Amino acid sequence: MAVANSAAIVVLMTAGSQEEASRLGEMLVGAHLAACVQIMPQMESIYRWKGEVHRAPEFLLLAKTTAACFDELEREVRALHTYDAPEIIALPVAHVSAPYFDWLASNAFPPLVSRLNTAEREAPAPPPEG
């Protein structure tokens, strides 16, 4: 059964090198800001920047995440990215299979939830009574 109108999104980003793409993907998955990041092979981008047309090799990243993660994802990518104005575009997911969405939501969650879960895991166990 598919889940309609979920909070699932796919975020498209580009990077100028394989190393930068990998660094961004590892950070996003490690921080639970994305459940999965796919890095597409090198492609050529043709774009206008500061009034001139440019051509450059780039790598496309597809991050599977939730809408609740987007603001923090954007902040973290902008902080690490080498571009002045990196592409960070979120596309809504109209339908997603329920098992996949369950996996996605359990691996990409907002920072507050992440901090709460980490605090609970790291909290010392209460001393035994009696």
N, C-alpha and C. Protein backbone atom coordinates (compact mmCIF):
# COMPACT_ATOMS: atom_id res chain seq x y z
N MET A 1 0.84 -1.19 0.00
CA MET A 1 0.00 0.00 0.00
C MET A 1 0.88 1.25 0.00
N ALA A 2 0.56 2.22 -0.83
CA ALA A 2 1.35 3.44 -0.93
C ALA A 2 0.83 4.49 0.04
N VAL A 3 1.73 5.32 0.52
CA VAL A 3 1.39 6.43 1.38
C VAL A 3 1.30 7.67 0.50
N ALA A 4 0.17 8.37 0.50
CA ALA A 4 0.00 9.58 -0.32
C ALA A 4 0.26 10.81 0.54
N ASN A 5 0.75 11.88 -0.11
CA ASN A 5 0.97 13.16 0.56
C ASN A 5 1.83 13.01 1.81
N SER A 6 2.86 12.22 1.73
CA SER A 6 3.76 12.03 2.87
C SER A 6 4.68 13.23 2.99
N ALA A 7 5.46 13.22 4.02
CA ALA A 7 6.46 14.27 4.23
C ALA A 7 7.77 13.92 3.54
N ALA A 8 7.77 12.88 2.73
CA ALA A 8 9.00 12.49 2.03
C ALA A 8 9.31 13.50 0.93
N ILE A 9 10.61 13.83 0.80
CA ILE A 9 11.08 14.70 -0.28
C ILE A 9 12.37 14.11 -0.84
N VAL A 10 12.69 14.53 -2.05
CA VAL A 10 13.98 14.23 -2.66
C VAL A 10 14.66 15.58 -2.89
N VAL A 11 15.87 15.71 -2.38
CA VAL A 11 16.61 16.97 -2.51
C VAL A 11 17.71 16.77 -3.55
N LEU A 12 17.71 17.62 -4.57
CA LEU A 12 18.72 17.59 -5.61
C LEU A 12 19.79 18.63 -5.28
N MET A 13 21.04 18.21 -5.38
CA MET A 13 22.18 19.10 -5.15
C MET A 13 23.26 18.74 -6.16
N THR A 14 24.13 19.69 -6.46
CA THR A 14 25.27 19.39 -7.31
C THR A 14 26.56 19.74 -6.57
N ALA A 15 27.63 19.08 -6.97
CA ALA A 15 28.96 19.35 -6.41
C ALA A 15 29.96 19.34 -7.55
N GLY A 16 31.04 20.07 -7.37
CA GLY A 16 32.04 20.20 -8.42
C GLY A 16 33.04 19.07 -8.50
N SER A 17 33.03 18.17 -7.50
CA SER A 17 33.96 17.04 -7.53
C SER A 17 33.33 15.84 -6.85
N GLN A 18 33.85 14.67 -7.16
CA GLN A 18 33.40 13.44 -6.51
C GLN A 18 33.68 13.50 -5.01
N GLU A 19 34.82 14.06 -4.64
CA GLU A 19 35.19 14.15 -3.22
C GLU A 19 34.20 15.02 -2.46
N GLU A 20 33.84 16.17 -3.03
CA GLU A 20 32.88 17.04 -2.36
C GLU A 20 31.51 16.37 -2.27
N ALA A 21 31.09 15.72 -3.33
CA ALA A 21 29.80 15.01 -3.32
C ALA A 21 29.79 13.94 -2.23
N SER A 22 30.87 13.17 -2.14
CA SER A 22 30.95 12.12 -1.11
C SER A 22 30.95 12.71 0.29
N ARG A 23 31.70 13.79 0.48
CA ARG A 23 31.74 14.45 1.79
C ARG A 23 30.34 14.94 2.21
N LEU A 24 29.62 15.55 1.28
CA LEU A 24 28.27 16.02 1.58
C LEU A 24 27.33 14.86 1.88
N GLY A 25 27.39 13.80 1.07
CA GLY A 25 26.54 12.64 1.28
C GLY A 25 26.79 11.98 2.62
N GLU A 26 28.06 11.79 2.96
CA GLU A 26 28.41 11.17 4.24
C GLU A 26 27.91 12.02 5.42
N MET A 27 28.08 13.34 5.32
CA MET A 27 27.62 14.22 6.38
C MET A 27 26.11 14.13 6.55
N LEU A 28 25.36 14.16 5.44
CA LEU A 28 23.90 14.15 5.53
C LEU A 28 23.38 12.85 6.13
N VAL A 29 23.91 11.72 5.71
CA VAL A 29 23.46 10.43 6.25
C VAL A 29 23.93 10.28 7.70
N GLY A 30 25.17 10.67 7.97
CA GLY A 30 25.70 10.57 9.33
C GLY A 30 24.94 11.41 10.34
N ALA A 31 24.44 12.57 9.91
CA ALA A 31 23.69 13.47 10.79
C ALA A 31 22.20 13.17 10.80
N HIS A 32 21.77 12.11 10.14
CA HIS A 32 20.35 11.74 10.03
C HIS A 32 19.52 12.83 9.35
N LEU A 33 20.16 13.61 8.48
CA LEU A 33 19.43 14.61 7.70
C LEU A 33 18.94 14.02 6.38
N ALA A 34 19.42 12.84 6.03
CA ALA A 34 18.95 12.08 4.87
C ALA A 34 19.11 10.60 5.20
N ALA A 35 18.17 9.81 4.73
CA ALA A 35 18.26 8.36 4.93
C ALA A 35 19.21 7.74 3.91
N CYS A 36 19.29 8.37 2.74
CA CYS A 36 20.10 7.85 1.65
C CYS A 36 20.50 9.02 0.75
N VAL A 37 21.73 9.00 0.27
CA VAL A 37 22.18 9.98 -0.73
C VAL A 37 22.81 9.19 -1.86
N GLN A 38 22.29 9.39 -3.04
CA GLN A 38 22.86 8.77 -4.24
C GLN A 38 23.67 9.83 -4.98
N ILE A 39 24.84 9.42 -5.46
CA ILE A 39 25.71 10.32 -6.21
C ILE A 39 25.78 9.80 -7.65
N MET A 40 25.27 10.62 -8.55
CA MET A 40 25.27 10.26 -9.96
C MET A 40 26.63 10.58 -10.56
N PRO A 41 27.03 9.83 -11.59
CA PRO A 41 28.35 10.06 -12.19
C PRO A 41 28.48 11.45 -12.80
N GLN A 42 29.70 11.80 -13.07
CA GLN A 42 30.00 13.12 -13.61
C GLN A 42 29.15 13.43 -14.83
N MET A 43 28.69 14.66 -14.89
CA MET A 43 27.91 15.17 -16.01
C MET A 43 28.46 16.55 -16.35
N GLU A 44 28.00 17.12 -17.42
CA GLU A 44 28.40 18.47 -17.78
C GLU A 44 27.23 19.42 -17.53
N SER A 45 27.50 20.51 -16.83
CA SER A 45 26.48 21.53 -16.60
C SER A 45 26.82 22.77 -17.41
N ILE A 46 25.80 23.34 -18.00
CA ILE A 46 25.93 24.60 -18.73
C ILE A 46 25.01 25.57 -18.02
N TYR A 47 25.58 26.68 -17.54
CA TYR A 47 24.80 27.59 -16.71
C TYR A 47 25.29 29.03 -16.87
N ARG A 48 24.45 29.94 -16.45
CA ARG A 48 24.81 31.36 -16.47
C ARG A 48 25.19 31.76 -15.05
N TRP A 49 26.35 32.41 -14.92
CA TRP A 49 26.81 32.88 -13.61
C TRP A 49 27.49 34.21 -13.80
N LYS A 50 26.99 35.21 -13.09
CA LYS A 50 27.54 36.57 -13.15
C LYS A 50 27.59 37.09 -14.58
N GLY A 51 26.51 36.84 -15.33
CA GLY A 51 26.37 37.37 -16.67
C GLY A 51 27.08 36.61 -17.79
N GLU A 52 27.75 35.52 -17.44
CA GLU A 52 28.46 34.75 -18.46
C GLU A 52 28.00 33.30 -18.45
N VAL A 53 28.06 32.67 -19.63
CA VAL A 53 27.72 31.26 -19.75
C VAL A 53 28.97 30.44 -19.45
N HIS A 54 28.80 29.45 -18.58
CA HIS A 54 29.91 28.59 -18.18
C HIS A 54 29.56 27.13 -18.46
N ARG A 55 30.58 26.30 -18.57
CA ARG A 55 30.45 24.84 -18.67
C ARG A 55 31.37 24.28 -17.61
N ALA A 56 30.86 23.28 -16.89
CA ALA A 56 31.69 22.68 -15.84
C ALA A 56 31.22 21.26 -15.56
N PRO A 57 32.16 20.39 -15.18
CA PRO A 57 31.76 19.05 -14.74
C PRO A 57 31.14 19.14 -13.35
N GLU A 58 30.10 18.37 -13.11
CA GLU A 58 29.46 18.33 -11.80
C GLU A 58 28.96 16.93 -11.52
N PHE A 59 28.67 16.70 -10.25
CA PHE A 59 28.09 15.44 -9.79
C PHE A 59 26.75 15.78 -9.15
N LEU A 60 25.73 14.99 -9.46
CA LEU A 60 24.39 15.21 -8.94
C LEU A 60 24.17 14.33 -7.72
N LEU A 61 23.69 14.92 -6.64
CA LEU A 61 23.34 14.19 -5.43
C LEU A 61 21.82 14.16 -5.31
N LEU A 62 21.27 13.00 -4.99
CA LEU A 62 19.85 12.83 -4.73
C LEU A 62 19.71 12.38 -3.28
N ALA A 63 19.19 13.24 -2.43
CA ALA A 63 19.06 12.92 -1.01
C ALA A 63 17.60 12.57 -0.71
N LYS A 64 17.38 11.39 -0.15
CA LYS A 64 16.05 10.96 0.25
C LYS A 64 15.88 11.34 1.71
N THR A 65 14.89 12.18 2.00
CA THR A 65 14.73 12.70 3.35
C THR A 65 13.29 13.09 3.60
N THR A 66 13.05 13.85 4.67
CA THR A 66 11.72 14.33 4.99
C THR A 66 11.70 15.86 4.96
N ALA A 67 10.53 16.42 4.77
CA ALA A 67 10.40 17.87 4.74
C ALA A 67 10.87 18.51 6.04
N ALA A 68 10.69 17.81 7.15
CA ALA A 68 11.10 18.34 8.46
C ALA A 68 12.62 18.52 8.55
N CYS A 69 13.37 17.82 7.75
CA CYS A 69 14.84 17.90 7.76
C CYS A 69 15.39 18.99 6.84
N PHE A 70 14.56 19.54 5.97
CA PHE A 70 15.08 20.38 4.90
C PHE A 70 15.86 21.60 5.40
N ASP A 71 15.33 22.36 6.35
CA ASP A 71 16.00 23.59 6.79
C ASP A 71 17.40 23.30 7.32
N GLU A 72 17.52 22.28 8.17
CA GLU A 72 18.83 21.93 8.71
C GLU A 72 19.74 21.37 7.62
N LEU A 73 19.19 20.56 6.73
CA LEU A 73 19.96 20.03 5.60
C LEU A 73 20.53 21.18 4.79
N GLU A 74 19.71 22.15 4.48
CA GLU A 74 20.18 23.30 3.69
C GLU A 74 21.29 24.05 4.42
N ARG A 75 21.11 24.32 5.71
CA ARG A 75 22.14 25.03 6.49
C ARG A 75 23.47 24.27 6.47
N GLU A 76 23.41 22.97 6.70
CA GLU A 76 24.64 22.17 6.76
C GLU A 76 25.32 22.08 5.39
N VAL A 77 24.55 21.91 4.33
CA VAL A 77 25.15 21.84 2.99
C VAL A 77 25.78 23.18 2.64
N ARG A 78 25.08 24.27 2.90
CA ARG A 78 25.64 25.60 2.59
C ARG A 78 26.92 25.87 3.37
N ALA A 79 26.99 25.38 4.60
CA ALA A 79 28.18 25.59 5.44
C ALA A 79 29.40 24.84 4.89
N LEU A 80 29.18 23.68 4.28
CA LEU A 80 30.29 22.85 3.79
C LEU A 80 30.59 23.01 2.30
N HIS A 81 29.65 23.54 1.54
CA HIS A 81 29.76 23.55 0.08
C HIS A 81 30.76 24.60 -0.39
N THR A 82 31.45 24.30 -1.49
CA THR A 82 32.42 25.24 -2.05
C THR A 82 31.79 26.29 -2.95
N TYR A 83 30.55 26.08 -3.39
CA TYR A 83 29.88 27.05 -4.27
C TYR A 83 29.33 28.21 -3.46
N ASP A 84 29.27 29.40 -4.08
CA ASP A 84 28.65 30.56 -3.45
C ASP A 84 27.13 30.37 -3.31
N ALA A 85 26.52 29.78 -4.32
CA ALA A 85 25.06 29.57 -4.32
C ALA A 85 24.78 28.13 -4.77
N PRO A 86 25.01 27.15 -3.88
CA PRO A 86 24.81 25.76 -4.30
C PRO A 86 23.35 25.44 -4.62
N GLU A 87 23.17 24.54 -5.57
CA GLU A 87 21.82 24.06 -5.89
C GLU A 87 21.35 23.17 -4.74
N ILE A 88 20.22 23.54 -4.15
CA ILE A 88 19.59 22.73 -3.11
C ILE A 88 18.09 22.83 -3.38
N ILE A 89 17.55 21.85 -4.09
CA ILE A 89 16.16 21.90 -4.56
C ILE A 89 15.41 20.69 -4.01
N ALA A 90 14.32 20.94 -3.31
CA ALA A 90 13.51 19.85 -2.77
C ALA A 90 12.30 19.61 -3.66
N LEU A 91 12.08 18.34 -3.99
CA LEU A 91 10.91 17.94 -4.76
C LEU A 91 10.02 17.08 -3.87
N PRO A 92 8.73 17.37 -3.84
CA PRO A 92 7.83 16.56 -3.01
C PRO A 92 7.64 15.17 -3.63
N VAL A 93 7.41 14.20 -2.78
CA VAL A 93 7.11 12.85 -3.22
C VAL A 93 5.61 12.66 -3.10
N ALA A 94 4.93 12.44 -4.21
CA ALA A 94 3.47 12.32 -4.19
C ALA A 94 3.02 11.00 -3.58
N HIS A 95 3.72 9.93 -3.86
CA HIS A 95 3.37 8.61 -3.35
C HIS A 95 4.65 7.86 -3.03
N VAL A 96 4.60 7.07 -1.99
CA VAL A 96 5.76 6.27 -1.60
C VAL A 96 5.24 5.00 -0.94
N SER A 97 5.93 3.89 -1.16
CA SER A 97 5.47 2.65 -0.54
C SER A 97 5.63 2.76 0.98
N ALA A 98 4.69 2.20 1.70
CA ALA A 98 4.68 2.30 3.16
C ALA A 98 5.95 1.74 3.80
N PRO A 99 6.45 0.57 3.40
CA PRO A 99 7.68 0.08 4.02
C PRO A 99 8.88 1.00 3.78
N TYR A 100 8.97 1.55 2.55
CA TYR A 100 10.08 2.46 2.26
C TYR A 100 9.95 3.72 3.10
N PHE A 101 8.74 4.27 3.21
CA PHE A 101 8.56 5.49 4.01
C PHE A 101 8.88 5.23 5.47
N ASP A 102 8.50 4.08 6.00
CA ASP A 102 8.83 3.75 7.39
C ASP A 102 10.35 3.74 7.58
N TRP A 103 11.07 3.14 6.63
CA TRP A 103 12.53 3.13 6.69
C TRP A 103 13.08 4.54 6.59
N LEU A 104 12.56 5.33 5.65
CA LEU A 104 13.01 6.70 5.45
C LEU A 104 12.82 7.52 6.73
N ALA A 105 11.62 7.47 7.29
CA ALA A 105 11.32 8.27 8.48
C ALA A 105 12.12 7.82 9.70
N SER A 106 12.51 6.55 9.75
CA SER A 106 13.29 6.09 10.89
C SER A 106 14.78 6.39 10.74
N ASN A 107 15.20 6.87 9.56
CA ASN A 107 16.61 7.16 9.33
C ASN A 107 16.91 8.61 8.99
N ALA A 108 15.88 9.41 8.72
CA ALA A 108 16.04 10.84 8.47
C ALA A 108 15.00 11.55 9.31
N PHE A 109 15.49 12.26 10.30
CA PHE A 109 14.54 12.93 11.18
C PHE A 109 15.08 14.28 11.60
N PRO A 110 14.19 15.17 12.03
CA PRO A 110 14.60 16.55 12.36
C PRO A 110 15.65 16.56 13.46
N PRO A 111 16.46 17.60 13.49
CA PRO A 111 17.55 17.69 14.47
C PRO A 111 17.09 17.56 15.92
N LEU A 112 15.96 18.14 16.29
CA LEU A 112 15.50 18.04 17.67
C LEU A 112 15.24 16.59 18.04
N VAL A 113 14.60 15.85 17.15
CA VAL A 113 14.35 14.43 17.40
C VAL A 113 15.67 13.70 17.50
N SER A 114 16.62 14.06 16.64
CA SER A 114 17.94 13.43 16.65
C SER A 114 18.63 13.68 17.99
N ARG A 115 18.58 14.92 18.46
CA ARG A 115 19.23 15.24 19.74
C ARG A 115 18.55 14.51 20.89
N LEU A 116 17.22 14.44 20.87
CA LEU A 116 16.50 13.74 21.93
C LEU A 116 16.85 12.26 21.93
N ASN A 117 16.85 11.63 20.76
CA ASN A 117 17.19 10.21 20.67
C ASN A 117 18.62 9.96 21.15
N THR A 118 19.55 10.83 20.78
CA THR A 118 20.94 10.67 21.20
C THR A 118 21.06 10.82 22.70
N ALA A 119 20.36 11.81 23.27
CA ALA A 119 20.42 12.03 24.72
C ALA A 119 19.86 10.82 25.47
N GLU A 120 18.78 10.24 24.96
CA GLU A 120 18.21 9.07 25.61
C GLU A 120 19.17 7.89 25.55
N ARG A 121 19.86 7.72 24.41
CA ARG A 121 20.80 6.60 24.28
C ARG A 121 22.02 6.80 25.16
N GLU A 122 22.44 8.07 25.35
CA GLU A 122 23.65 8.34 26.11
C GLU A 122 23.41 8.56 27.60
N ALA A 123 22.16 8.70 28.01
CA ALA A 123 21.85 8.93 29.42
C ALA A 123 22.23 7.71 30.22
N PRO A 124 22.84 7.92 31.38
CA PRO A 124 23.19 6.75 32.21
C PRO A 124 21.92 6.10 32.75
N ALA A 125 21.99 4.81 32.90
CA ALA A 125 20.85 4.06 33.44
C ALA A 125 20.66 4.43 34.90
N PRO A 126 19.41 4.53 35.35
CA PRO A 126 19.17 4.84 36.77
C PRO A 126 19.69 3.69 37.63
N PRO A 127 20.13 4.03 38.86
CA PRO A 127 20.61 2.96 39.73
C PRO A 127 19.48 2.03 40.12
N PRO A 128 19.77 0.77 40.32
CA PRO A 128 18.72 -0.17 40.70
C PRO A 128 18.16 0.18 42.08
N GLU A 129 16.88 -0.04 42.22
CA GLU A 129 16.24 0.25 43.51
C GLU A 129 16.38 -0.97 44.42
N GLY A 130 16.42 -0.65 45.70
CA GLY A 130 16.33 -1.74 46.64
C GLY A 130 17.59 -2.05 47.25
